[in-house]
Amino acid sequence: MNQPDTVNLLQECDAGIRMGLDSIRDMMDSATQPLRQQLQEYRMEHEELQQRTEQLLGQYRKPGKEPAVMAKGMSWVKTNMKLAMEPTDASIAELVTDGCNMGIKSLNKYLNQYPQADASSREVANRLIDLEQRMVKEMQPLL
């Protein structure tokens, strides 16, 4: 185990979780049932992973990490522009799919970048990847 790798991986997971939560909240009001319920479930699963991430970071007395300002701003603009032009569940499914695919790519990059991260932090990253992959699959019928 390597403490810097562990902390870095956890902080990247935290930033990704925060980005996902912000995006889900931005889309929630535009969704119709049953998609709205599905988004609420995704939000709760992200919050559970965030709690676990914060707990592990707390063991090292390290803070979480906010998403990059530019990435967060661009995501907000894309989401709001897309939903202003096409406020449909299909648009939301497309946004979720795009966001999850970016998250999956980033998380795999960080797993490779921080190979000495401990098992607990790698488990969080892999659980987040699994969640994002499931979200992509569940959005496919709405595209």
Protein backbone atom coordinates (compact mmCIF):
# COMPACT_ATOMS: atom_id res chain seq x y z
CA MET A 1 0.00 0.00 0.00
CA ASN A 2 1.15 3.50 -0.81
CA GLN A 3 -0.55 6.30 1.12
CA PRO A 4 -0.19 9.00 -1.58
CA ASP A 5 -1.65 6.66 -4.24
CA THR A 6 -4.50 5.70 -1.92
CA VAL A 7 -5.35 9.31 -1.04
CA ASN A 8 -5.07 10.46 -4.66
CA LEU A 9 -7.36 7.68 -5.90
CA LEU A 10 -9.92 8.41 -3.18
CA GLN A 11 -9.84 12.13 -3.96
CA GLU A 12 -10.39 11.46 -7.66
CA CYS A 13 -13.29 9.16 -6.80
CA ASP A 14 -14.72 11.88 -4.57
CA ALA A 15 -14.47 14.48 -7.34
CA GLY A 16 -16.20 12.12 -9.77
CA ILE A 17 -18.96 11.31 -7.30
CA ARG A 18 -19.57 15.01 -6.67
CA MET A 19 -19.71 15.66 -10.41
CA GLY A 20 -22.20 12.84 -10.83
CA LEU A 21 -24.37 14.06 -7.96
CA ASP A 22 -24.43 17.61 -9.34
CA SER A 23 -25.42 16.34 -12.78
CA ILE A 24 -28.16 14.08 -11.42
CA ARG A 25 -29.60 17.00 -9.43
CA ASP A 26 -29.49 19.23 -12.52
CA MET A 27 -31.53 16.68 -14.51
CA MET A 28 -33.99 15.54 -11.86
CA ASP A 29 -36.67 18.19 -12.45
CA SER A 30 -36.77 17.52 -16.19
CA ALA A 31 -37.27 13.76 -15.82
CA THR A 32 -40.62 12.02 -15.87
CA GLN A 33 -41.51 8.88 -13.96
CA PRO A 34 -40.12 6.22 -13.88
CA LEU A 35 -36.83 7.89 -14.91
CA ARG A 36 -37.06 10.37 -12.04
CA GLN A 37 -37.24 7.47 -9.57
CA GLN A 38 -34.28 5.82 -11.29
CA LEU A 39 -32.25 9.05 -10.97
CA GLN A 40 -33.14 9.25 -7.27
CA GLU A 41 -31.84 5.71 -6.80
CA TYR A 42 -28.62 6.60 -8.63
CA ARG A 43 -28.28 9.68 -6.41
CA MET A 44 -28.62 7.55 -3.27
CA GLU A 45 -26.04 5.05 -4.53
CA HIS A 46 -23.62 7.89 -5.30
CA GLU A 47 -24.22 9.34 -1.81
CA GLU A 48 -23.42 5.96 -0.22
CA LEU A 49 -20.15 5.79 -2.16
CA GLN A 50 -19.39 9.39 -1.20
CA GLN A 51 -19.84 8.54 2.49
CA ARG A 52 -17.50 5.57 2.14
CA THR A 53 -14.95 7.70 0.30
CA GLU A 54 -15.09 10.43 2.95
CA GLN A 55 -14.75 7.81 5.69
CA LEU A 56 -11.61 6.39 4.08
CA LEU A 57 -10.15 9.86 3.45
CA GLY A 58 -10.87 10.69 7.10
CA GLN A 59 -8.57 7.86 8.16
CA TYR A 60 -5.75 9.79 6.49
CA ARG A 61 -7.04 13.17 7.70
CA LYS A 62 -7.35 14.29 4.09
CA PRO A 63 -10.17 16.33 2.54
CA GLY A 64 -12.33 15.33 -0.40
CA LYS A 65 -11.86 16.95 -3.76
CA GLU A 66 -14.15 19.23 -5.72
CA PRO A 67 -14.47 18.59 -9.45
CA ALA A 68 -12.39 20.85 -11.69
CA VAL A 69 -14.18 24.18 -12.10
CA MET A 70 -13.93 24.10 -15.90
CA ALA A 71 -15.30 20.55 -16.14
CA LYS A 72 -18.11 21.35 -13.73
CA GLY A 73 -19.02 24.52 -15.63
CA MET A 74 -18.96 22.83 -19.01
CA SER A 75 -21.13 20.00 -17.71
CA TRP A 76 -23.66 22.46 -16.30
CA VAL A 77 -23.82 24.40 -19.58
CA LYS A 78 -24.18 21.22 -21.68
CA THR A 79 -26.91 19.85 -19.40
CA ASN A 80 -28.90 23.06 -19.26
CA MET A 81 -28.58 23.80 -22.99
CA LYS A 82 -29.59 20.26 -23.94
CA LEU A 83 -32.58 20.23 -21.60
CA ALA A 84 -33.68 23.73 -22.62
CA MET A 85 -33.77 22.65 -26.26
CA GLU A 86 -35.05 19.09 -25.70
CA PRO A 87 -36.47 18.48 -22.20
CA THR A 88 -37.09 14.76 -22.76
CA ASP A 89 -36.15 11.54 -21.02
CA ALA A 90 -34.17 10.62 -24.15
CA SER A 91 -32.06 13.77 -23.70
CA ILE A 92 -31.49 12.91 -20.05
CA ALA A 93 -30.52 9.34 -20.99
CA GLU A 94 -28.02 10.73 -23.49
CA LEU A 95 -26.51 13.10 -20.91
CA VAL A 96 -26.30 10.31 -18.31
CA THR A 97 -24.66 7.98 -20.83
CA ASP A 98 -22.09 10.59 -21.89
CA GLY A 99 -21.28 11.53 -18.29
CA CYS A 100 -20.96 7.93 -17.15
CA ASN A 101 -18.72 7.02 -20.08
CA MET A 102 -16.40 9.92 -19.21
CA GLY A 103 -16.43 8.82 -15.57
CA ILE A 104 -15.63 5.20 -16.44
CA LYS A 105 -12.73 6.32 -18.62
CA SER A 106 -11.34 8.63 -15.92
CA LEU A 107 -11.69 6.09 -13.13
CA ASN A 108 -9.87 3.41 -15.12
CA LYS A 109 -7.13 5.94 -15.87
CA TYR A 110 -6.79 6.71 -12.14
CA LEU A 111 -6.71 3.02 -11.22
CA ASN A 112 -3.77 2.67 -13.62
CA GLN A 113 -2.16 5.92 -12.48
CA TYR A 114 -2.26 4.94 -8.78
CA PRO A 115 -1.35 1.22 -8.81
CA GLN A 116 -0.16 1.23 -5.20
CA ALA A 117 -3.52 2.40 -3.82
CA ASP A 118 -4.84 0.12 -1.10
CA ALA A 119 -7.59 -2.46 -1.59
CA SER A 120 -10.30 -0.33 0.05
CA SER A 121 -9.73 2.63 -2.25
CA ARG A 122 -9.57 0.37 -5.30
CA GLU A 123 -12.83 -1.23 -4.18
CA VAL A 124 -14.51 2.20 -4.07
CA ALA A 125 -13.25 3.00 -7.57
CA ASN A 126 -14.42 -0.35 -8.90
CA ARG A 127 -17.84 -0.01 -7.25
CA LEU A 128 -18.19 3.41 -8.85
CA ILE A 129 -17.20 2.01 -12.25
CA ASP A 130 -19.76 -0.79 -11.83
CA LEU A 131 -22.47 1.75 -10.95
CA GLU A 132 -21.64 3.92 -13.95
CA GLN A 133 -21.63 0.90 -16.28
CA ARG A 134 -25.01 -0.18 -14.94
CA MET A 135 -26.40 3.32 -15.43
CA VAL A 136 -25.26 3.32 -19.08
CA LYS A 137 -26.93 -0.05 -19.64
CA GLU A 138 -30.17 1.04 -17.97
CA MET A 139 -30.32 4.23 -20.06
CA GLN A 140 -30.06 2.38 -23.39
CA PRO A 141 -33.83 1.75 -23.81
CA LEU A 142 -34.46 5.49 -23.44
CA LEU A 143 -32.00 6.62 -26.11
